[in-house]
Amino acid sequence: MTTIKATCPMCGDVDLTPADVRLTVAEAAGWATYTFKCVSCQDLIEKAADNEVVALLSSAGVLIDNVPDEVLEAHHGRPISYDDVLDLALWLETHDIIVPHFVAH
């Protein structure tokens, strides 16, 4: 099995398996991080990952969590509220065709 060496700020070098590491990549934003729980002190450690680290971790079998581009988009206006969801649910109970203008013929 592959062993990944990482450094905990409190404990120093620790040995991990690919299942112990979470790799998150936001390609559109140009950043990546890897996260692991230290096997000694149990602290959750997060570190920046450059392209080389991403390549090494993924080649070692660490699964990549890709951040969708939509998550990083700017959003305007107020957030959807519980009342908005309830209004939609009530509206859907009385309407059969939601988008009649976009039905393909």
N, C-alpha and C. Protein backbone atom coordinates (compact mmCIF):
# COMPACT_ATOMS: atom_id res chain seq x y z
N MET A 1 0.84 -1.18 0.00
CA MET A 1 0.00 0.00 0.00
C MET A 1 0.89 1.25 0.00
N THR A 2 0.42 2.29 -0.64
CA THR A 2 1.16 3.54 -0.73
C THR A 2 1.16 4.28 0.61
N THR A 3 2.32 4.79 0.99
CA THR A 3 2.44 5.60 2.19
C THR A 3 2.73 7.03 1.78
N ILE A 4 1.98 7.95 2.35
CA ILE A 4 2.16 9.38 2.07
C ILE A 4 2.73 10.02 3.32
N LYS A 5 3.82 10.73 3.16
CA LYS A 5 4.42 11.45 4.28
C LYS A 5 3.90 12.89 4.27
N ALA A 6 3.42 13.33 5.41
CA ALA A 6 2.96 14.71 5.57
C ALA A 6 3.50 15.22 6.90
N THR A 7 3.39 16.53 7.09
CA THR A 7 3.92 17.13 8.31
C THR A 7 2.81 17.80 9.11
N CYS A 8 2.69 17.38 10.36
CA CYS A 8 1.78 18.03 11.31
C CYS A 8 2.59 19.11 12.02
N PRO A 9 2.04 20.32 12.15
CA PRO A 9 2.78 21.39 12.83
C PRO A 9 3.12 21.06 14.29
N MET A 10 2.34 20.20 14.92
CA MET A 10 2.57 19.84 16.32
C MET A 10 3.45 18.60 16.47
N CYS A 11 3.23 17.60 15.61
CA CYS A 11 3.86 16.28 15.79
C CYS A 11 5.01 16.01 14.84
N GLY A 12 5.13 16.80 13.80
CA GLY A 12 6.18 16.54 12.81
C GLY A 12 5.68 15.60 11.71
N ASP A 13 6.58 14.80 11.16
CA ASP A 13 6.23 13.92 10.05
C ASP A 13 5.30 12.80 10.51
N VAL A 14 4.28 12.53 9.68
CA VAL A 14 3.35 11.44 9.93
C VAL A 14 3.18 10.65 8.65
N ASP A 15 2.88 9.37 8.78
CA ASP A 15 2.62 8.50 7.63
C ASP A 15 1.12 8.34 7.47
N LEU A 16 0.66 8.53 6.23
CA LEU A 16 -0.76 8.45 5.92
C LEU A 16 -0.99 7.50 4.75
N THR A 17 -2.20 7.05 4.61
CA THR A 17 -2.61 6.29 3.43
C THR A 17 -3.40 7.23 2.53
N PRO A 18 -3.60 6.86 1.26
CA PRO A 18 -4.41 7.72 0.39
C PRO A 18 -5.82 7.99 0.94
N ALA A 19 -6.37 7.04 1.67
CA ALA A 19 -7.71 7.22 2.24
C ALA A 19 -7.71 8.25 3.37
N ASP A 20 -6.56 8.53 3.95
CA ASP A 20 -6.45 9.49 5.05
C ASP A 20 -6.40 10.94 4.57
N VAL A 21 -6.22 11.15 3.27
CA VAL A 21 -5.99 12.48 2.72
C VAL A 21 -7.16 12.89 1.84
N ARG A 22 -7.58 14.13 1.98
CA ARG A 22 -8.62 14.70 1.11
C ARG A 22 -7.98 15.82 0.31
N LEU A 23 -8.09 15.73 -1.00
CA LEU A 23 -7.51 16.71 -1.92
C LEU A 23 -8.64 17.48 -2.57
N THR A 24 -8.65 18.79 -2.40
CA THR A 24 -9.69 19.65 -2.97
C THR A 24 -9.04 20.60 -3.96
N VAL A 25 -9.58 20.61 -5.20
CA VAL A 25 -9.01 21.43 -6.27
C VAL A 25 -10.09 22.36 -6.81
N ALA A 26 -9.78 23.66 -6.82
CA ALA A 26 -10.65 24.67 -7.44
C ALA A 26 -9.87 25.23 -8.63
N GLU A 27 -9.95 24.53 -9.74
CA GLU A 27 -9.14 24.88 -10.91
C GLU A 27 -9.43 26.28 -11.42
N ALA A 28 -10.70 26.68 -11.44
CA ALA A 28 -11.07 28.01 -11.95
C ALA A 28 -10.48 29.12 -11.09
N ALA A 29 -10.36 28.87 -9.80
CA ALA A 29 -9.82 29.89 -8.89
C ALA A 29 -8.31 29.79 -8.76
N GLY A 30 -7.74 28.69 -9.23
CA GLY A 30 -6.29 28.54 -9.20
C GLY A 30 -5.73 28.13 -7.85
N TRP A 31 -6.50 27.37 -7.06
CA TRP A 31 -5.98 26.91 -5.78
C TRP A 31 -6.35 25.45 -5.53
N ALA A 32 -5.60 24.84 -4.65
CA ALA A 32 -5.88 23.47 -4.21
C ALA A 32 -5.38 23.32 -2.78
N THR A 33 -6.02 22.44 -2.04
CA THR A 33 -5.59 22.15 -0.67
C THR A 33 -5.67 20.65 -0.43
N TYR A 34 -4.88 20.19 0.52
CA TYR A 34 -5.06 18.83 0.99
C TYR A 34 -5.25 18.88 2.50
N THR A 35 -6.08 17.97 2.98
CA THR A 35 -6.46 17.94 4.38
C THR A 35 -6.27 16.53 4.92
N PHE A 36 -5.79 16.45 6.15
CA PHE A 36 -5.67 15.15 6.80
C PHE A 36 -5.80 15.32 8.30
N LYS A 37 -6.19 14.25 8.96
CA LYS A 37 -6.23 14.24 10.42
C LYS A 37 -4.94 13.59 10.89
N CYS A 38 -4.21 14.30 11.73
CA CYS A 38 -2.95 13.78 12.25
C CYS A 38 -3.22 12.50 13.03
N VAL A 39 -2.46 11.46 12.72
CA VAL A 39 -2.66 10.18 13.38
C VAL A 39 -2.20 10.22 14.84
N SER A 40 -1.39 11.20 15.21
CA SER A 40 -0.91 11.30 16.59
C SER A 40 -1.81 12.17 17.46
N CYS A 41 -1.98 13.44 17.07
CA CYS A 41 -2.73 14.38 17.92
C CYS A 41 -4.20 14.54 17.51
N GLN A 42 -4.59 13.96 16.37
CA GLN A 42 -5.96 14.01 15.86
C GLN A 42 -6.41 15.39 15.39
N ASP A 43 -5.47 16.36 15.28
CA ASP A 43 -5.82 17.67 14.73
C ASP A 43 -6.09 17.55 13.24
N LEU A 44 -7.02 18.36 12.74
CA LEU A 44 -7.30 18.42 11.32
C LEU A 44 -6.35 19.45 10.71
N ILE A 45 -5.53 19.03 9.77
CA ILE A 45 -4.51 19.87 9.16
C ILE A 45 -4.90 20.14 7.72
N GLU A 46 -4.84 21.42 7.31
CA GLU A 46 -5.11 21.79 5.92
C GLU A 46 -3.91 22.58 5.40
N LYS A 47 -3.43 22.18 4.21
CA LYS A 47 -2.29 22.84 3.61
C LYS A 47 -2.56 23.13 2.14
N ALA A 48 -1.93 24.18 1.64
CA ALA A 48 -2.04 24.51 0.23
C ALA A 48 -1.31 23.45 -0.59
N ALA A 49 -1.81 23.20 -1.79
CA ALA A 49 -1.19 22.21 -2.68
C ALA A 49 -0.94 22.85 -4.03
N ASP A 50 0.31 22.89 -4.46
CA ASP A 50 0.61 23.39 -5.80
C ASP A 50 0.39 22.25 -6.79
N ASN A 51 0.64 22.52 -8.08
CA ASN A 51 0.39 21.52 -9.12
C ASN A 51 1.18 20.24 -8.91
N GLU A 52 2.41 20.37 -8.42
CA GLU A 52 3.24 19.19 -8.19
C GLU A 52 2.67 18.32 -7.07
N VAL A 53 2.21 18.95 -5.99
CA VAL A 53 1.61 18.19 -4.89
C VAL A 53 0.32 17.52 -5.34
N VAL A 54 -0.49 18.24 -6.12
CA VAL A 54 -1.73 17.65 -6.65
C VAL A 54 -1.40 16.42 -7.49
N ALA A 55 -0.41 16.53 -8.36
CA ALA A 55 -0.02 15.40 -9.20
C ALA A 55 0.49 14.23 -8.37
N LEU A 56 1.32 14.51 -7.37
CA LEU A 56 1.86 13.44 -6.53
C LEU A 56 0.76 12.74 -5.73
N LEU A 57 -0.13 13.53 -5.12
CA LEU A 57 -1.19 12.92 -4.31
C LEU A 57 -2.16 12.12 -5.17
N SER A 58 -2.53 12.66 -6.33
CA SER A 58 -3.46 11.93 -7.19
C SER A 58 -2.82 10.66 -7.75
N SER A 59 -1.52 10.71 -8.05
CA SER A 59 -0.85 9.50 -8.55
C SER A 59 -0.69 8.46 -7.44
N ALA A 60 -0.72 8.91 -6.18
CA ALA A 60 -0.65 7.98 -5.04
C ALA A 60 -2.00 7.36 -4.73
N GLY A 61 -3.05 7.83 -5.39
CA GLY A 61 -4.38 7.26 -5.19
C GLY A 61 -5.32 8.09 -4.37
N VAL A 62 -4.93 9.31 -4.03
CA VAL A 62 -5.82 10.21 -3.28
C VAL A 62 -6.91 10.69 -4.24
N LEU A 63 -8.16 10.57 -3.83
CA LEU A 63 -9.27 11.03 -4.65
C LEU A 63 -9.34 12.55 -4.63
N ILE A 64 -9.69 13.13 -5.77
CA ILE A 64 -9.76 14.58 -5.91
C ILE A 64 -11.21 15.04 -5.82
N ASP A 65 -11.46 15.99 -4.92
CA ASP A 65 -12.75 16.67 -4.87
C ASP A 65 -12.60 17.96 -5.67
N ASN A 66 -13.24 18.00 -6.84
CA ASN A 66 -13.17 19.21 -7.67
C ASN A 66 -14.27 20.17 -7.25
N VAL A 67 -13.91 21.42 -7.04
CA VAL A 67 -14.88 22.46 -6.72
C VAL A 67 -15.47 22.95 -8.04
N PRO A 68 -16.79 22.81 -8.23
CA PRO A 68 -17.39 23.28 -9.48
C PRO A 68 -17.23 24.79 -9.64
N ASP A 69 -17.06 25.23 -10.88
CA ASP A 69 -16.89 26.65 -11.17
C ASP A 69 -18.05 27.48 -10.62
N GLU A 70 -19.26 26.90 -10.62
CA GLU A 70 -20.45 27.64 -10.19
C GLU A 70 -20.35 28.07 -8.72
N VAL A 71 -19.64 27.31 -7.93
CA VAL A 71 -19.51 27.63 -6.51
C VAL A 71 -18.77 28.95 -6.32
N LEU A 72 -17.88 29.25 -7.24
CA LEU A 72 -17.04 30.43 -7.11
C LEU A 72 -17.60 31.66 -7.81
N GLU A 73 -18.77 31.51 -8.45
CA GLU A 73 -19.39 32.64 -9.13
C GLU A 73 -19.89 33.67 -8.11
N ALA A 74 -19.89 34.93 -8.54
CA ALA A 74 -20.47 35.99 -7.70
C ALA A 74 -21.99 35.88 -7.77
N HIS A 75 -22.64 36.01 -6.64
CA HIS A 75 -24.09 35.95 -6.57
C HIS A 75 -24.61 37.31 -6.09
N HIS A 76 -25.71 37.74 -6.72
CA HIS A 76 -26.28 39.04 -6.38
C HIS A 76 -27.70 38.84 -5.87
N GLY A 77 -28.16 39.76 -5.09
CA GLY A 77 -29.51 39.66 -4.54
C GLY A 77 -29.51 38.93 -3.21
N ARG A 78 -30.68 38.84 -2.65
CA ARG A 78 -30.78 38.21 -1.34
C ARG A 78 -30.82 36.69 -1.49
N PRO A 79 -30.40 35.96 -0.49
CA PRO A 79 -30.45 34.49 -0.54
C PRO A 79 -31.89 34.00 -0.56
N ILE A 80 -32.09 32.81 -1.07
CA ILE A 80 -33.41 32.19 -1.05
C ILE A 80 -33.76 31.87 0.40
N SER A 81 -34.97 32.21 0.78
CA SER A 81 -35.41 31.98 2.16
C SER A 81 -36.33 30.76 2.22
N TYR A 82 -36.63 30.35 3.43
CA TYR A 82 -37.58 29.27 3.64
C TYR A 82 -38.93 29.63 3.02
N ASP A 83 -39.36 30.88 3.17
CA ASP A 83 -40.64 31.31 2.59
C ASP A 83 -40.63 31.20 1.07
N ASP A 84 -39.49 31.50 0.44
CA ASP A 84 -39.39 31.35 -1.02
C ASP A 84 -39.59 29.90 -1.44
N VAL A 85 -39.00 28.99 -0.71
CA VAL A 85 -39.14 27.56 -1.02
C VAL A 85 -40.58 27.11 -0.81
N LEU A 86 -41.18 27.57 0.26
CA LEU A 86 -42.58 27.22 0.53
C LEU A 86 -43.49 27.77 -0.56
N ASP A 87 -43.28 29.01 -0.97
CA ASP A 87 -44.08 29.60 -2.06
C ASP A 87 -43.95 28.78 -3.34
N LEU A 88 -42.74 28.35 -3.64
CA LEU A 88 -42.53 27.53 -4.85
C LEU A 88 -43.27 26.20 -4.71
N ALA A 89 -43.17 25.56 -3.57
CA ALA A 89 -43.84 24.28 -3.36
C ALA A 89 -45.35 24.43 -3.53
N LEU A 90 -45.92 25.49 -2.96
CA LEU A 90 -47.36 25.73 -3.11
C LEU A 90 -47.72 26.03 -4.55
N TRP A 91 -46.90 26.77 -5.26
CA TRP A 91 -47.16 27.09 -6.66
C TRP A 91 -47.13 25.82 -7.51
N LEU A 92 -46.17 24.94 -7.24
CA LEU A 92 -46.05 23.70 -8.01
C LEU A 92 -47.25 22.78 -7.85
N GLU A 93 -47.94 22.87 -6.71
CA GLU A 93 -49.13 22.05 -6.49
C GLU A 93 -50.26 22.42 -7.43
N THR A 94 -50.28 23.64 -7.95
CA THR A 94 -51.39 24.10 -8.80
C THR A 94 -51.00 24.29 -10.26
N HIS A 95 -49.77 23.96 -10.65
CA HIS A 95 -49.33 24.14 -12.02
C HIS A 95 -48.73 22.84 -12.56
N ASP A 96 -49.24 22.42 -13.73
CA ASP A 96 -48.75 21.18 -14.35
C ASP A 96 -47.56 21.43 -15.26
N ILE A 97 -47.62 22.53 -16.00
CA ILE A 97 -46.55 22.85 -16.96
C ILE A 97 -45.74 24.00 -16.38
N ILE A 98 -44.48 23.73 -16.09
CA ILE A 98 -43.65 24.74 -15.44
C ILE A 98 -43.09 25.72 -16.46
N VAL A 99 -42.58 25.20 -17.59
CA VAL A 99 -41.94 26.07 -18.58
C VAL A 99 -42.54 25.76 -19.97
N PRO A 100 -43.73 26.27 -20.25
CA PRO A 100 -44.40 25.91 -21.51
C PRO A 100 -43.70 26.49 -22.74
N HIS A 101 -42.94 27.57 -22.59
CA HIS A 101 -42.34 28.23 -23.75
C HIS A 101 -41.09 27.52 -24.25
N PHE A 102 -40.52 26.64 -23.46
CA PHE A 102 -39.28 25.99 -23.84
C PHE A 102 -39.44 24.53 -24.17
N VAL A 103 -40.68 24.09 -24.36
CA VAL A 103 -40.91 22.70 -24.71
C VAL A 103 -40.55 22.50 -26.18
N ALA A 104 -39.70 21.51 -26.47
CA ALA A 104 -39.29 21.25 -27.86
C ALA A 104 -40.45 20.66 -28.65
N HIS A 105 -40.55 21.10 -29.90
CA HIS A 105 -41.62 20.60 -30.77
C HIS A 105 -41.04 19.69 -31.81
